[in-house]
Amino acid sequence: NLAEVDETIPYHVALKPHWEEFADALDDFDLILDVMPDDAEPCFQISTIELPVNVFMMIMKSLTGKSFRHYKFINNDFGRYGVLAVIDLMDSNQYLQSLTLSDNFIDEEDEG
């Protein structure tokens, strides 16, 4: 069961085209969010998947302006620039009710 996986799935460069396709699909996701009932609580979550900052930024760009009410980014290791992108994402979403950031490693170089 993937929901019970404790280890982070490592990133591999061969997956980049799939992440690009995923980001492209997110670009059109407003069509789905627009037809959801007003009391729906749309949530976007990526957990236990290592995402290099360039892939994470691509996803963040596609999520900008989307009306998700909840975001969860857990154990993705996207670093300081990923956290900054999440802050920009928060600013672009007037519907945001909650944000979970957990276990996202920031390396020593980023700490400076």
Protein backbone atom coordinates (compact mmCIF):
# COMPACT_ATOMS: atom_id res chain seq x y z
CA ASN A 1 0.00 0.00 0.00
CA LEU A 2 1.60 3.29 -1.11
CA ALA A 3 -0.13 5.22 1.67
CA GLU A 4 2.01 3.31 4.16
CA VAL A 5 5.38 3.94 2.48
CA ASP A 6 7.78 5.63 4.88
CA GLU A 7 10.71 6.03 2.50
CA THR A 8 10.97 8.81 -0.03
CA ILE A 9 10.75 7.72 -3.65
CA PRO A 10 13.95 9.05 -5.25
CA TYR A 11 13.83 11.29 -8.29
CA HIS A 12 15.21 9.96 -11.56
CA VAL A 13 15.83 12.13 -14.61
CA ALA A 14 13.94 9.64 -16.79
CA LEU A 15 10.76 10.75 -15.00
CA LYS A 16 11.09 14.40 -16.03
CA PRO A 17 8.86 14.05 -19.15
CA HIS A 18 6.14 12.57 -16.94
CA TRP A 19 6.40 15.46 -14.47
CA GLU A 20 6.18 17.87 -17.42
CA GLU A 21 3.02 16.11 -18.63
CA PHE A 22 1.60 16.26 -15.09
CA ALA A 23 2.33 20.01 -14.88
CA ASP A 24 0.68 20.54 -18.28
CA ALA A 25 -2.43 18.71 -17.05
CA LEU A 26 -2.51 20.95 -13.97
CA ASP A 27 -2.60 23.98 -16.26
CA ASP A 28 -6.13 22.99 -17.32
CA PHE A 29 -7.30 21.85 -13.89
CA ASP A 30 -9.32 25.03 -13.35
CA LEU A 31 -11.97 23.49 -15.61
CA ILE A 32 -12.51 20.76 -13.02
CA LEU A 33 -12.26 23.05 -10.00
CA ASP A 34 -14.83 25.41 -11.52
CA VAL A 35 -17.54 22.72 -11.66
CA MET A 36 -17.01 21.40 -8.14
CA PRO A 37 -19.72 22.19 -5.58
CA ASP A 38 -19.14 25.32 -3.50
CA ASP A 39 -18.74 23.25 -0.33
CA ALA A 40 -16.03 21.03 -1.87
CA GLU A 41 -12.61 21.07 -0.21
CA PRO A 42 -10.17 20.50 -3.10
CA CYS A 43 -6.74 19.42 -1.88
CA PHE A 44 -3.45 19.07 -3.72
CA GLN A 45 -0.86 16.80 -2.09
CA ILE A 46 2.55 15.47 -3.04
CA SER A 47 4.19 13.32 -0.38
CA THR A 48 7.27 11.11 -0.04
CA ILE A 49 8.50 11.87 -3.57
CA GLU A 50 11.84 13.57 -4.03
CA LEU A 51 11.44 16.55 -6.34
CA PRO A 52 14.41 18.59 -7.51
CA VAL A 53 13.74 22.29 -7.37
CA ASN A 54 13.41 22.65 -11.17
CA VAL A 55 10.61 20.05 -11.28
CA PHE A 56 8.95 21.47 -8.18
CA MET A 57 9.02 24.98 -9.67
CA MET A 58 7.38 23.66 -12.84
CA ILE A 59 4.55 22.21 -10.74
CA MET A 60 4.27 25.41 -8.68
CA LYS A 61 3.91 27.46 -11.86
CA SER A 62 1.04 25.22 -12.97
CA LEU A 63 -0.64 25.49 -9.55
CA THR A 64 -0.48 29.30 -9.46
CA GLY A 65 -3.95 30.80 -9.31
CA LYS A 66 -5.70 27.45 -8.86
CA SER A 67 -8.47 27.41 -6.25
CA PHE A 68 -7.29 24.47 -4.16
CA ARG A 69 -8.23 25.02 -0.53
CA HIS A 70 -5.55 22.78 0.92
CA TYR A 71 -1.95 22.10 -0.08
CA LYS A 72 0.27 19.40 1.44
CA PHE A 73 3.95 19.00 0.56
CA ILE A 74 5.48 16.32 2.75
CA ASN A 75 8.95 14.82 2.45
CA ASN A 76 9.77 16.21 -1.02
CA ASP A 77 13.22 17.74 -0.34
CA PHE A 78 12.74 20.71 -2.67
CA GLY A 79 14.91 23.05 -0.57
CA ARG A 80 14.76 26.73 0.24
CA TYR A 81 13.75 27.82 -3.27
CA GLY A 82 10.87 25.39 -3.17
CA VAL A 83 9.69 26.89 0.11
CA LEU A 84 9.88 30.37 -1.44
CA ALA A 85 7.79 29.09 -4.37
CA VAL A 86 5.19 27.79 -1.91
CA ILE A 87 4.99 31.27 -0.37
CA ASP A 88 4.30 32.71 -3.83
CA LEU A 89 1.70 30.00 -4.38
CA MET A 90 -0.03 31.00 -1.15
CA ASP A 91 -0.14 34.61 -2.32
CA SER A 92 -1.79 33.56 -5.59
CA ASN A 93 -4.66 31.64 -3.96
CA GLN A 94 -7.41 33.58 -2.22
CA TYR A 95 -9.23 30.31 -1.42
CA LEU A 96 -6.38 28.69 0.52
CA GLN A 97 -7.41 27.48 3.97
CA SER A 98 -4.48 25.28 5.00
CA LEU A 99 -0.93 24.48 4.05
CA THR A 100 1.16 21.59 5.32
CA LEU A 101 4.94 21.64 4.82
CA SER A 102 6.70 18.82 6.57
CA ASP A 103 10.03 16.98 6.35
CA ASN A 104 11.36 18.96 3.40
CA PHE A 105 15.13 18.93 3.84
CA ILE A 106 17.00 22.19 3.33
CA ASP A 107 20.69 21.48 2.81
CA GLU A 108 23.50 23.40 4.49
CA GLU A 109 24.14 25.50 1.39
CA ASP A 110 20.51 26.68 1.47
CA GLU A 111 20.71 27.60 5.16
CA GLY A 112 23.08 30.55 4.55
